[in-house]
Amino acid sequence: MNVTAVAIISIIFGCSIALVGMILKHRSQSRLNSVDSERLQAEISQLKERVATLEKIVTDEKYQLKKEFDSLS
């Protein structure tokens, strides 16, 4: 084999390894983004439930009356 062929094979091999590394890095980032996305969706759902509960409390007539009584004191 001549030097040119060895150089070409080395370049192709090196590029292949770099490409595989980039693909693996991209896949691991995609998995992390997926995990983060699922966690954030769960957190949003919990916050929506809490806001709904707070809305019920604030719009409750008893809460409004208590607030008015407290303001009279």
Protein backbone atom coordinates (compact mmCIF):
# COMPACT_ATOMS: atom_id res chain seq x y z
CA MET A 1 0.00 0.00 0.00
CA ASN A 2 1.27 3.41 -0.77
CA VAL A 3 1.30 6.39 1.56
CA THR A 4 -1.60 8.12 -0.19
CA ALA A 5 -3.91 5.14 0.31
CA VAL A 6 -2.97 4.89 3.99
CA ALA A 7 -3.62 8.61 4.44
CA ILE A 8 -7.03 8.38 2.74
CA ILE A 9 -8.05 5.38 4.83
CA SER A 10 -6.87 7.14 8.00
CA ILE A 11 -8.89 10.25 7.14
CA ILE A 12 -12.02 8.21 6.39
CA PHE A 13 -11.61 6.22 9.61
CA GLY A 14 -11.08 9.38 11.66
CA CYS A 15 -14.13 11.08 10.15
CA SER A 16 -16.22 7.98 10.80
CA ILE A 17 -15.23 7.95 14.47
CA ALA A 18 -15.97 11.68 14.78
CA LEU A 19 -19.36 11.18 13.11
CA VAL A 20 -20.29 8.32 15.43
CA GLY A 21 -19.29 10.46 18.41
CA MET A 22 -21.49 13.33 17.23
CA ILE A 23 -24.45 10.98 16.69
CA LEU A 24 -24.09 9.48 20.17
CA LYS A 25 -23.83 12.94 21.74
CA HIS A 26 -26.97 14.09 19.91
CA ARG A 27 -28.90 10.99 21.03
CA SER A 28 -27.93 11.48 24.67
CA GLN A 29 -29.00 15.14 24.52
CA SER A 30 -32.32 14.13 22.96
CA ARG A 31 -32.93 11.67 25.80
CA LEU A 32 -32.12 14.33 28.37
CA ASN A 33 -34.44 16.78 26.66
CA SER A 34 -37.16 14.13 26.68
CA VAL A 35 -36.67 13.50 30.41
CA ASP A 36 -36.65 17.24 31.13
CA SER A 37 -39.77 17.68 29.03
CA GLU A 38 -41.63 14.95 30.91
CA ARG A 39 -40.57 16.42 34.26
CA LEU A 40 -41.69 19.89 33.24
CA GLN A 41 -45.05 18.58 31.97
CA ALA A 42 -45.64 16.87 35.33
CA GLU A 43 -44.72 20.05 37.19
CA ILE A 44 -47.08 22.11 35.01
CA SER A 45 -49.91 19.67 35.72
CA GLN A 46 -49.29 19.95 39.47
CA LEU A 47 -49.24 23.74 39.28
CA LYS A 48 -52.50 23.79 37.30
CA GLU A 49 -54.15 21.68 40.00
CA ARG A 50 -52.88 24.03 42.72
CA VAL A 51 -54.13 27.11 40.85
CA ALA A 52 -57.54 25.48 40.40
CA THR A 53 -57.69 24.81 44.15
CA LEU A 54 -56.71 28.40 44.94
CA GLU A 55 -59.37 29.68 42.53
CA LYS A 56 -62.00 27.61 44.33
CA ILE A 57 -60.91 28.97 47.71
CA VAL A 58 -60.84 32.60 46.61
CA THR A 59 -64.21 32.44 44.84
CA ASP A 60 -65.86 30.65 47.78
CA GLU A 61 -68.48 32.84 49.49
CA LYS A 62 -67.27 31.87 52.98
CA TYR A 63 -63.78 33.08 52.11
CA GLN A 64 -65.16 36.40 50.87
CA LEU A 65 -67.26 36.87 54.02
CA LYS A 66 -64.30 36.07 56.27
CA LYS A 67 -62.20 38.59 54.37
CA GLU A 68 -64.89 41.26 54.78
CA PHE A 69 -65.22 40.52 58.50
CA ASP A 70 -61.47 40.72 58.94
CA SER A 71 -61.38 44.08 57.18
CA LEU A 72 -64.00 45.43 59.61
CA SER A 73 -61.88 44.60 62.63
